[in-house]
Structures are given as structure tokens and as C-alpha cells.
């Protein structure tokens, strides 16, 4: 008699269907690696979300459980998404992106899934960064 798999066995089987993430530091190689379906779904939910709440540095660092200087180091290392400009000297972070990073880290730790956090963050912020680059190019063209 075959027993039905438990809920945790089904979750583990679902999340362990893709290849483990590489520890490479080359962005092009990392972008070519597949990301687990659960993390890809999480990124898609963030992109579909139209909430654009912004947190300033203190609130963002506190949400991530980091000191301000450590939070900036995480941004520089690519483990936190880059800030969005709010003014000449003001920046902030989208709350939905910070929530997604925390959710991905939680999912990875609870399910023992491998997570390339730099790949996750780069895919998470890619549409926003691409649109910012296009608007900069348009603004530069208008000034010519």
C-alpha cells in the first residue's frame, strides 16, 4: 500500500525541481542560470503589483534588519535593489522590492532551496532600471 506524500514532502518536491544556482560572479553567466519557479513567481507577483510605496534609508535599513552603512554595502554588493531617485539629494526604495527580497530569503531558508540573491535582485529590479535608462536617454536627447 502506497502512502500519500505529506504536505512538506510535496512542497519539497515542487521546489527542488530546478538546478541549483551557481556561485559565479559574472552577471551574464548568472542571468543565464535558471531561477527556481517559486522565486520567479515571487518576482512576477512584485512586477504585477501596482503599489509604489517608497521607504527612505532609515525605514528601509530597519525593515531589512541592517544598519544604514551595512544597508548601503548590501546595495553596492547587489543583494538589495538600487534606490530610486526622489529628488536632487533624496533616494528611497520600493517597499514591494524589499518585501520580495525578504520573502525570497525566508522561502530559501525554510525550504532549503538554493538562492542566488544577486540574480534574484537583478531580475527583480530589471524592468525598473530599464525604464529609468530609457527615460534618461530621452531626457538627454531632449537637451541636444
C-alpha atoms as a PDB file:
ATOM      1  CA  UNK A   1       0.000   0.000   0.000  1.00  0.00           C
ATOM      2  CA  UNK A   2       1.418   3.332  -1.094  1.00  0.00           C
ATOM      3  CA  UNK A   3       1.099   6.222   1.340  1.00  0.00           C
ATOM      4  CA  UNK A   4       0.147   9.683   0.167  1.00  0.00           C
ATOM      5  CA  UNK A   5       3.007  12.169   0.438  1.00  0.00           C
ATOM      6  CA  UNK A   6       2.769  14.666   3.259  1.00  0.00           C
ATOM      7  CA  UNK A   7       2.365  18.374   2.598  1.00  0.00           C
ATOM      8  CA  UNK A   8       6.016  19.074   3.394  1.00  0.00           C
ATOM      9  CA  UNK A   9       7.140  16.288   1.022  1.00  0.00           C
ATOM     10  CA  UNK A  10       5.019  17.763  -1.785  1.00  0.00           C
ATOM     11  CA  UNK A  11       6.365  21.271  -1.154  1.00  0.00           C
ATOM     12  CA  UNK A  12       9.941  19.996  -1.100  1.00  0.00           C
ATOM     13  CA  UNK A  13       9.405  18.030  -4.323  1.00  0.00           C
ATOM     14  CA  UNK A  14       7.903  21.086  -6.043  1.00  0.00           C
ATOM     15  CA  UNK A  15      10.681  23.467  -5.017  1.00  0.00           C
ATOM     16  CA  UNK A  16      13.554  21.106  -5.766  1.00  0.00           C
ATOM     17  CA  UNK A  17      12.714  20.634  -9.446  1.00  0.00           C
ATOM     18  CA  UNK A  18      15.264  23.111 -10.844  1.00  0.00           C
ATOM     19  CA  UNK A  19      19.045  23.108 -10.896  1.00  0.00           C
ATOM     20  CA  UNK A  20      20.878  24.778  -8.018  1.00  0.00           C
ATOM     21  CA  UNK A  21      22.048  28.348  -8.536  1.00  0.00           C
ATOM     22  CA  UNK A  22      25.641  28.945  -9.466  1.00  0.00           C
ATOM     23  CA  UNK A  23      28.022  30.853  -7.239  1.00  0.00           C
ATOM     24  CA  UNK A  24      29.526  32.639 -10.224  1.00  0.00           C
ATOM     25  CA  UNK A  25      30.153  36.376 -10.026  1.00  0.00           C
ATOM     26  CA  UNK A  26      29.786  37.008 -13.765  1.00  0.00           C
ATOM     27  CA  UNK A  27      26.417  38.705 -14.338  1.00  0.00           C
ATOM     28  CA  UNK A  28      25.937  37.302 -17.852  1.00  0.00           C
ATOM     29  CA  UNK A  29      26.550  33.752 -16.642  1.00  0.00           C
ATOM     30  CA  UNK A  30      24.301  34.317 -13.641  1.00  0.00           C
ATOM     31  CA  UNK A  31      21.496  35.736 -15.816  1.00  0.00           C
ATOM     32  CA  UNK A  32      21.641  32.611 -17.987  1.00  0.00           C
ATOM     33  CA  UNK A  33      21.120  30.331 -14.960  1.00  0.00           C
ATOM     34  CA  UNK A  34      17.561  29.282 -14.234  1.00  0.00           C
ATOM     35  CA  UNK A  35      15.951  30.589 -11.081  1.00  0.00           C
ATOM     36  CA  UNK A  36      13.667  28.293  -9.158  1.00  0.00           C
ATOM     37  CA  UNK A  37       9.992  28.581 -10.173  1.00  0.00           C
ATOM     38  CA  UNK A  38       8.991  29.768  -6.713  1.00  0.00           C
ATOM     39  CA  UNK A  39      11.386  32.715  -6.879  1.00  0.00           C
ATOM     40  CA  UNK A  40      10.360  33.517 -10.447  1.00  0.00           C
ATOM     41  CA  UNK A  41       6.706  33.546  -9.357  1.00  0.00           C
ATOM     42  CA  UNK A  42       7.602  35.868  -6.499  1.00  0.00           C
ATOM     43  CA  UNK A  43       9.289  38.287  -8.917  1.00  0.00           C
ATOM     44  CA  UNK A  44       6.247  38.157 -11.218  1.00  0.00           C
ATOM     45  CA  UNK A  45       3.905  38.985  -8.317  1.00  0.00           C
ATOM     46  CA  UNK A  46       6.028  42.037  -7.494  1.00  0.00           C
ATOM     47  CA  UNK A  47       6.009  43.206 -11.126  1.00  0.00           C
ATOM     48  CA  UNK A  48       2.219  42.794 -11.269  1.00  0.00           C
ATOM     49  CA  UNK A  49       1.753  44.779  -8.038  1.00  0.00           C
ATOM     50  CA  UNK A  50       0.907  48.453  -8.642  1.00  0.00           C
ATOM     51  CA  UNK A  51       1.761  49.630  -5.127  1.00  0.00           C
ATOM     52  CA  UNK A  52       4.653  52.069  -5.365  1.00  0.00           C
ATOM     53  CA  UNK A  53       5.157  52.897  -1.690  1.00  0.00           C
ATOM     54  CA  UNK A  54       8.643  54.237  -1.065  1.00  0.00           C
ATOM     55  CA  UNK A  55      10.741  53.937   2.084  1.00  0.00           C
ATOM     56  CA  UNK A  56      13.633  56.245   2.904  1.00  0.00           C
ATOM     57  CA  UNK A  57      17.008  54.966   4.124  1.00  0.00           C
ATOM     58  CA  UNK A  58      16.268  54.601   7.843  1.00  0.00           C
ATOM     59  CA  UNK A  59      12.992  52.778   7.270  1.00  0.00           C
ATOM     60  CA  UNK A  60      14.481  50.573   4.534  1.00  0.00           C
ATOM     61  CA  UNK A  61      17.508  49.595   6.618  1.00  0.00           C
ATOM     62  CA  UNK A  62      15.280  48.908   9.614  1.00  0.00           C
ATOM     63  CA  UNK A  63      12.926  46.761   7.527  1.00  0.00           C
ATOM     64  CA  UNK A  64      15.883  44.669   6.351  1.00  0.00           C
ATOM     65  CA  UNK A  65      17.307  44.474   9.877  1.00  0.00           C
ATOM     66  CA  UNK A  66      20.536  46.260   8.960  1.00  0.00           C
ATOM     67  CA  UNK A  67      22.419  49.376   9.987  1.00  0.00           C
ATOM     68  CA  UNK A  68      22.445  52.195   7.424  1.00  0.00           C
ATOM     69  CA  UNK A  69      26.079  51.645   6.412  1.00  0.00           C
ATOM     70  CA  UNK A  70      25.560  47.882   6.105  1.00  0.00           C
ATOM     71  CA  UNK A  71      22.425  48.503   4.047  1.00  0.00           C
ATOM     72  CA  UNK A  72      24.433  50.684   1.629  1.00  0.00           C
ATOM     73  CA  UNK A  73      27.062  47.931   1.436  1.00  0.00           C
ATOM     74  CA  UNK A  74      24.276  45.480   0.514  1.00  0.00           C
ATOM     75  CA  UNK A  75      23.154  47.849  -2.261  1.00  0.00           C
ATOM     76  CA  UNK A  76      26.731  48.071  -3.548  1.00  0.00           C
ATOM     77  CA  UNK A  77      27.094  44.249  -3.436  1.00  0.00           C
ATOM     78  CA  UNK A  78      23.833  43.752  -5.323  1.00  0.00           C
ATOM     79  CA  UNK A  79      22.000  41.945  -2.523  1.00  0.00           C
ATOM     80  CA  UNK A  80      19.485  44.804  -2.193  1.00  0.00           C
ATOM     81  CA  UNK A  81      17.898  46.599  -5.131  1.00  0.00           C
ATOM     82  CA  UNK A  82      19.279  50.019  -6.061  1.00  0.00           C
ATOM     83  CA  UNK A  83      17.445  53.096  -4.805  1.00  0.00           C
ATOM     84  CA  UNK A  84      15.113  55.255  -6.835  1.00  0.00           C
ATOM     85  CA  UNK A  85      15.761  58.998  -7.009  1.00  0.00           C
ATOM     86  CA  UNK A  86      13.171  61.102  -5.199  1.00  0.00           C
ATOM     87  CA  UNK A  87      14.838  64.457  -5.683  1.00  0.00           C
ATOM     88  CA  UNK A  88      18.210  66.056  -6.159  1.00  0.00           C
ATOM     89  CA  UNK A  89      19.687  64.537  -2.993  1.00  0.00           C
ATOM     90  CA  UNK A  90      16.932  62.172  -1.879  1.00  0.00           C
ATOM     91  CA  UNK A  91      16.577  58.464  -2.624  1.00  0.00           C
ATOM     92  CA  UNK A  92      14.255  55.716  -1.495  1.00  0.00           C
ATOM     93  CA  UNK A  93      13.488  52.044  -2.019  1.00  0.00           C
ATOM     94  CA  UNK A  94      10.273  50.457  -3.230  1.00  0.00           C
ATOM     95  CA  UNK A  95       8.658  48.652  -0.340  1.00  0.00           C
ATOM     96  CA  UNK A  96       7.441  45.863  -2.626  1.00  0.00           C
ATOM     97  CA  UNK A  97      11.027  45.106  -3.719  1.00  0.00           C
ATOM     98  CA  UNK A  98      12.284  44.970  -0.131  1.00  0.00           C
ATOM     99  CA  UNK A  99       9.348  42.736   0.815  1.00  0.00           C
ATOM    100  CA  UNK A 100      10.162  40.421  -2.101  1.00  0.00           C
ATOM    101  CA  UNK A 101      13.821  40.149  -1.060  1.00  0.00           C
ATOM    102  CA  UNK A 102      12.807  39.265   2.481  1.00  0.00           C
ATOM    103  CA  UNK A 103      10.220  36.766   1.196  1.00  0.00           C
ATOM    104  CA  UNK A 104      12.801  35.109  -1.077  1.00  0.00           C
ATOM    105  CA  UNK A 105      15.316  34.811   1.753  1.00  0.00           C
ATOM    106  CA  UNK A 106      12.628  33.385   4.031  1.00  0.00           C
ATOM    107  CA  UNK A 107      11.485  30.899   1.394  1.00  0.00           C
ATOM    108  CA  UNK A 108      15.067  29.806   0.741  1.00  0.00           C
ATOM    109  CA  UNK A 109      15.793  29.281   4.429  1.00  0.00           C
ATOM    110  CA  UNK A 110      12.530  27.445   5.183  1.00  0.00           C
ATOM    111  CA  UNK A 111      12.648  25.117   2.175  1.00  0.00           C
ATOM    112  CA  UNK A 112      16.449  24.748   1.900  1.00  0.00           C
ATOM    113  CA  UNK A 113      16.263  25.933  -1.714  1.00  0.00           C
ATOM    114  CA  UNK A 114      19.431  27.411  -3.183  1.00  0.00           C
ATOM    115  CA  UNK A 115      19.026  31.118  -3.843  1.00  0.00           C
ATOM    116  CA  UNK A 116      21.368  33.316  -5.845  1.00  0.00           C
ATOM    117  CA  UNK A 117      20.275  36.553  -4.178  1.00  0.00           C
ATOM    118  CA  UNK A 118      22.199  38.735  -6.636  1.00  0.00           C
ATOM    119  CA  UNK A 119      20.401  37.118  -9.566  1.00  0.00           C
ATOM    120  CA  UNK A 120      17.076  37.471  -7.763  1.00  0.00           C
ATOM    121  CA  UNK A 121      17.663  41.178  -7.063  1.00  0.00           C
ATOM    122  CA  UNK A 122      18.865  41.882 -10.598  1.00  0.00           C
ATOM    123  CA  UNK A 123      15.751  40.235 -12.090  1.00  0.00           C
ATOM    124  CA  UNK A 124      13.551  41.991  -9.550  1.00  0.00           C
ATOM    125  CA  UNK A 125      14.846  45.477 -10.401  1.00  0.00           C
ATOM    126  CA  UNK A 126      15.495  44.921 -14.130  1.00  0.00           C
ATOM    127  CA  UNK A 127      12.237  46.396 -15.522  1.00  0.00           C
ATOM    128  CA  UNK A 128      12.529  49.471 -13.318  1.00  0.00           C
ATOM    129  CA  UNK A 129      16.190  50.011 -14.187  1.00  0.00           C
ATOM    130  CA  UNK A 130      15.486  49.564 -17.904  1.00  0.00           C
ATOM    131  CA  UNK A 131      12.695  52.171 -17.822  1.00  0.00           C
ATOM    132  CA  UNK A 132      14.920  54.586 -15.880  1.00  0.00           C
ATOM    133  CA  UNK A 133      17.650  54.130 -18.511  1.00  0.00           C
ATOM    134  CA  UNK A 134      15.156  54.827 -21.308  1.00  0.00           C
ATOM    135  CA  UNK A 135      13.903  57.991 -19.609  1.00  0.00           C
ATOM    136  CA  UNK A 136      17.498  59.194 -19.114  1.00  0.00           C
ATOM    137  CA  UNK A 137      18.204  58.612 -22.796  1.00  0.00           C
ATOM    138  CA  UNK A 138      15.031  60.507 -23.758  1.00  0.00           C
ATOM    139  CA  UNK A 139      15.953  63.403 -21.452  1.00  0.00           C
ATOM    140  CA  UNK A 140      19.485  63.530 -22.851  1.00  0.00           C
ATOM    141  CA  UNK A 141      18.079  63.581 -26.394  1.00  0.00           C
ATOM    142  CA  UNK A 142      15.760  66.475 -25.485  1.00  0.00           C
ATOM    143  CA  UNK A 143      18.730  68.512 -24.248  1.00  0.00           C
ATOM    144  CA  UNK A 144      20.615  68.171 -27.539  1.00  0.00           C
END
